[in-house]
Protein backbone atom coordinates (compact mmCIF):
# COMPACT_ATOMS: atom_id res chain seq x y z
CA MET A 1 -8.52 -102.17 -7.75
CA LEU A 2 -8.28 -100.08 -10.94
CA ALA A 3 -11.25 -97.89 -9.99
CA GLY A 4 -9.53 -96.95 -6.72
CA LEU A 5 -6.27 -96.25 -8.54
CA LYS A 6 -8.00 -94.04 -11.12
CA SER A 7 -9.75 -92.13 -8.33
CA ALA A 8 -6.41 -91.51 -6.58
CA ILE A 9 -4.85 -90.31 -9.85
CA ARG A 10 -7.75 -87.91 -10.42
CA ARG A 11 -7.28 -86.45 -6.91
CA SER A 12 -3.53 -86.11 -7.47
CA CYS A 13 -4.01 -84.46 -10.87
CA ALA A 14 -6.34 -81.92 -9.30
CA TYR A 15 -3.34 -80.60 -7.32
CA MET A 16 -0.96 -80.59 -10.26
CA VAL A 17 -0.13 -77.11 -11.46
CA LYS A 18 1.00 -76.51 -15.05
CA PRO A 19 4.37 -74.86 -14.08
CA TRP A 20 5.33 -78.02 -12.16
CA ALA A 21 4.65 -80.27 -15.13
CA PRO A 22 4.68 -78.17 -18.31
CA ASN A 23 4.26 -81.20 -20.62
CA ILE A 24 1.50 -82.93 -18.66
CA ASP A 25 -1.00 -82.39 -21.48
CA LYS A 26 1.34 -83.73 -24.20
CA PRO A 27 1.12 -87.34 -25.47
CA LYS A 28 3.43 -89.82 -23.72
CA ASN A 29 6.15 -91.43 -25.86
CA GLY A 30 8.56 -94.31 -25.51
CA PHE A 31 6.84 -96.43 -22.86
CA ASP A 32 3.66 -98.21 -21.89
CA VAL A 33 2.42 -99.87 -18.73
CA THR A 34 1.89 -103.59 -19.24
CA LEU A 35 -0.53 -105.75 -17.27
CA ARG A 36 -0.45 -109.54 -17.60
CA THR A 37 -2.74 -112.22 -16.28
CA GLN A 38 -3.52 -115.84 -17.05
CA ASP A 39 -7.24 -115.06 -16.87
CA VAL A 40 -8.73 -113.67 -20.12
CA ALA A 41 -11.86 -112.47 -18.27
CA GLU A 42 -9.70 -110.50 -15.84
CA ALA A 43 -7.79 -108.96 -18.76
CA ARG A 44 -11.12 -107.90 -20.31
CA ARG A 45 -12.17 -106.27 -17.02
CA TRP A 46 -8.87 -104.36 -16.86
CA ILE A 47 -9.30 -103.15 -20.45
CA ALA A 48 -12.88 -102.03 -19.73
CA ALA A 49 -11.89 -100.15 -16.57
CA LEU A 50 -8.89 -98.43 -18.16
CA LEU A 51 -10.84 -97.56 -21.30
CA GLU A 52 -13.34 -95.32 -19.47
CA GLY A 53 -12.52 -91.91 -20.92
CA GLY A 54 -9.63 -93.39 -22.93
CA LYS A 55 -8.94 -94.43 -26.51
CA VAL A 56 -8.33 -97.89 -28.03
CA SER A 57 -5.00 -98.39 -29.80
CA MET A 58 -5.51 -102.09 -30.55
CA PRO A 59 -8.85 -103.76 -29.77
CA PHE A 60 -8.68 -106.58 -27.21
CA GLY A 61 -8.78 -109.97 -28.87
CA GLU A 62 -7.00 -113.22 -29.56
CA ALA A 63 -3.52 -113.08 -31.10
CA PHE A 64 -1.11 -115.83 -32.12
CA TRP A 65 0.90 -115.22 -28.94
CA SER A 66 -2.01 -114.72 -26.55
CA PRO A 67 -5.63 -115.71 -25.94
CA GLY A 68 -6.27 -112.02 -25.26
CA ASP A 69 -4.21 -108.92 -26.02
CA GLY A 70 -5.01 -105.24 -26.49
CA SER A 71 -3.72 -101.73 -25.95
CA LEU A 72 -5.16 -98.34 -25.15
CA THR A 73 -4.37 -94.88 -23.87
CA ASP A 74 -6.26 -94.01 -20.70
CA GLU A 75 -7.98 -90.73 -19.87
CA PHE A 76 -4.71 -89.40 -18.40
CA GLY A 77 -2.72 -90.06 -21.60
CA ILE A 78 -0.92 -93.13 -20.19
CA PRO A 79 -0.45 -95.93 -22.77
CA TRP A 80 -1.36 -99.45 -21.56
CA MET A 81 -0.92 -102.96 -22.94
CA VAL A 82 -3.06 -105.74 -21.43
CA ASN A 83 -2.06 -109.32 -22.17
CA ALA A 84 -3.48 -112.68 -21.14
CA THR A 85 -0.70 -115.25 -21.06
CA PRO A 86 -1.47 -118.76 -22.34
């Protein structure tokens, strides 16, 4: 699922011209995309897929509110939070 989405984003970005989106290369602020699942293994797979070419903000691991939680910025500069709900 995520691999197909990332491939589609790459194809779309190839058509994006700087004058259309002058701030495309700037860091994103004020939001993140959040994914939640009840399956910790699935959350780990999501983190691994999104992390290809990205940067860890908070390593995935257990937290007092979750058996698995982490955040990252993907290769496109989009901030993500991945959370496994108890």
